[in-house]
Amino acid sequence: MLIRLTEEEKQNYCAMLGNHLKRLRAIVGFTQEDLASLSGISKERISRMENGAYLMRWNHFISFVMVFTMNTNTKEYLVASKILTPRLLQALQMKDNMVPPDIVIPISDSLNEEFHTDFRIVSSLSLDAEKE
């Protein structure tokens, strides 16, 4: 059976990304204008999301994930902070719930420590990691 995220799961992912949006921008040195240009989301809306005045929608989440997974540092951050999870990747890759997602992401020691992750290199994210 294909993984399908519930509306509650989508809202949780949006909230988590919203809490990290400003830091993700800082990691790659983007201004709000830069992120707006790449994501197709207005600078004003991005500012409101970063300040907690606007709740991110699923379509915004997908746009930001597309932008931030194209950079090694932000992709690593998304995994270490558990925003980019095996379940999310399975859903985005239209995988069966018993098939692990396809991904290889090295995680730096500093992010391992900050987010208390227990892996250095994810060659195939384990479904067991989701249960923690």
Protein backbone atom coordinates (compact mmCIF):
# COMPACT_ATOMS: atom_id res chain seq x y z
CA MET A 1 0.00 0.00 0.00
CA LEU A 2 1.40 3.40 -0.99
CA ILE A 3 2.22 5.84 1.78
CA ARG A 4 -0.30 8.65 1.95
CA LEU A 5 0.24 11.41 4.49
CA THR A 6 -2.69 12.51 6.61
CA GLU A 7 -3.66 16.18 6.81
CA GLU A 8 -2.37 16.21 10.38
CA GLU A 9 1.02 14.85 9.25
CA LYS A 10 1.19 17.49 6.52
CA GLN A 11 0.39 20.24 9.03
CA ASN A 12 3.09 18.92 11.37
CA TYR A 13 5.69 18.92 8.59
CA CYS A 14 4.67 22.47 7.64
CA ALA A 15 4.97 23.65 11.25
CA MET A 16 8.39 22.04 11.66
CA LEU A 17 9.73 23.57 8.46
CA GLY A 18 8.25 26.94 9.40
CA ASN A 19 10.21 26.84 12.66
CA HIS A 20 13.46 26.23 10.75
CA LEU A 21 12.88 28.36 7.65
CA LYS A 22 14.97 31.34 8.72
CA ARG A 23 17.90 29.11 9.71
CA LEU A 24 17.72 27.16 6.44
CA ARG A 25 17.89 30.45 4.54
CA ALA A 26 20.88 31.50 6.61
CA ILE A 27 22.72 28.24 5.91
CA VAL A 28 22.76 28.97 2.17
CA GLY A 29 22.98 32.74 2.54
CA PHE A 30 19.62 33.48 0.94
CA THR A 31 17.70 36.64 1.50
CA GLN A 32 13.94 36.40 1.61
CA GLU A 33 13.99 37.77 -1.93
CA ASP A 34 16.33 34.96 -3.05
CA LEU A 35 14.07 32.31 -1.54
CA ALA A 36 11.00 33.98 -3.03
CA SER A 37 12.56 33.91 -6.48
CA LEU A 38 13.48 30.22 -6.22
CA SER A 39 10.31 28.98 -4.52
CA GLY A 40 7.67 31.10 -6.24
CA ILE A 41 6.39 32.24 -2.83
CA SER A 42 6.28 35.98 -2.16
CA LYS A 43 8.85 37.65 0.10
CA GLU A 44 5.99 39.00 2.22
CA ARG A 45 4.53 35.52 2.75
CA ILE A 46 7.98 34.11 3.60
CA SER A 47 8.48 36.90 6.14
CA ARG A 48 5.11 36.16 7.74
CA MET A 49 5.92 32.43 7.89
CA GLU A 50 9.28 33.10 9.55
CA ASN A 51 7.62 35.37 12.13
CA GLY A 52 4.83 32.90 12.88
CA ALA A 53 2.12 35.21 11.52
CA TYR A 54 1.19 32.80 8.71
CA LEU A 55 0.98 29.03 8.80
CA MET A 56 2.72 27.35 5.92
CA ARG A 57 0.52 25.37 3.54
CA TRP A 58 1.46 22.03 2.00
CA ASN A 59 2.17 23.56 -1.42
CA HIS A 60 4.61 25.99 0.25
CA PHE A 61 6.26 23.10 2.09
CA ILE A 62 6.80 21.20 -1.17
CA SER A 63 8.27 24.31 -2.84
CA PHE A 64 10.69 24.89 0.02
CA VAL A 65 11.70 21.24 0.16
CA MET A 66 12.47 21.34 -3.56
CA VAL A 67 14.71 24.38 -3.05
CA PHE A 68 16.46 23.19 0.10
CA THR A 69 17.10 19.60 -1.02
CA MET A 70 19.11 20.94 -3.96
CA ASN A 71 21.81 22.18 -1.55
CA THR A 72 23.94 19.65 0.32
CA ASN A 73 24.08 21.67 3.56
CA THR A 74 20.35 22.34 3.79
CA LYS A 75 19.46 18.80 2.71
CA GLU A 76 21.67 17.50 5.51
CA TYR A 77 19.99 19.91 7.94
CA LEU A 78 16.50 18.78 6.85
CA VAL A 79 17.40 15.15 7.60
CA ALA A 80 19.25 15.82 10.86
CA SER A 81 16.40 17.99 12.20
CA LYS A 82 13.91 15.25 11.25
CA ILE A 83 11.96 17.43 8.84
CA LEU A 84 12.88 15.18 5.94
CA THR A 85 11.84 11.79 7.36
CA PRO A 86 11.69 8.32 5.85
CA ARG A 87 7.88 8.45 5.87
CA LEU A 88 7.83 11.81 4.06
CA LEU A 89 10.33 10.55 1.50
CA GLN A 90 8.32 7.37 0.99
CA ALA A 91 5.21 9.46 0.35
CA LEU A 92 7.00 11.85 -2.02
CA GLN A 93 8.62 8.93 -3.87
CA MET A 94 5.28 7.07 -4.01
CA LYS A 95 6.71 4.08 -2.16
CA ASP A 96 4.97 1.20 -0.47
CA ASN A 97 5.15 1.40 3.31
CA MET A 98 7.51 -1.58 3.38
CA VAL A 99 9.94 -0.12 0.81
CA PRO A 100 12.58 2.27 2.19
CA PRO A 101 13.07 5.58 0.42
CA ASP A 102 15.92 6.11 -2.04
CA ILE A 103 18.36 8.59 -0.54
CA VAL A 104 21.99 9.03 0.45
CA ILE A 105 22.79 11.95 2.75
CA PRO A 106 25.95 12.35 4.83
CA ILE A 107 25.32 14.02 8.18
CA SER A 108 28.06 16.14 9.77
CA ASP A 109 29.19 15.52 13.34
CA SER A 110 27.97 18.96 14.45
CA LEU A 111 24.42 18.28 13.22
CA ASN A 112 24.52 14.77 14.70
CA GLU A 113 25.25 16.37 18.06
CA GLU A 114 22.77 19.24 17.71
CA PHE A 115 19.82 17.07 16.72
CA HIS A 116 20.87 13.91 18.57
CA THR A 117 20.80 11.79 15.45
CA ASP A 118 22.29 8.34 15.64
CA PHE A 119 23.68 8.00 12.13
CA ARG A 120 26.64 9.42 10.22
CA ILE A 121 25.72 8.40 6.70
CA VAL A 122 22.24 7.46 5.65
CA SER A 123 22.54 5.05 2.75
CA SER A 124 18.93 4.03 2.91
CA LEU A 125 16.94 5.62 5.68
CA SER A 126 15.63 2.91 7.92
CA LEU A 127 11.94 2.67 8.60
CA ASP A 128 12.94 2.01 12.22
CA ALA A 129 14.24 5.60 12.51
CA GLU A 130 10.64 6.79 12.08
CA LYS A 131 9.58 5.01 15.28
CA GLU A 132 11.89 7.05 17.55
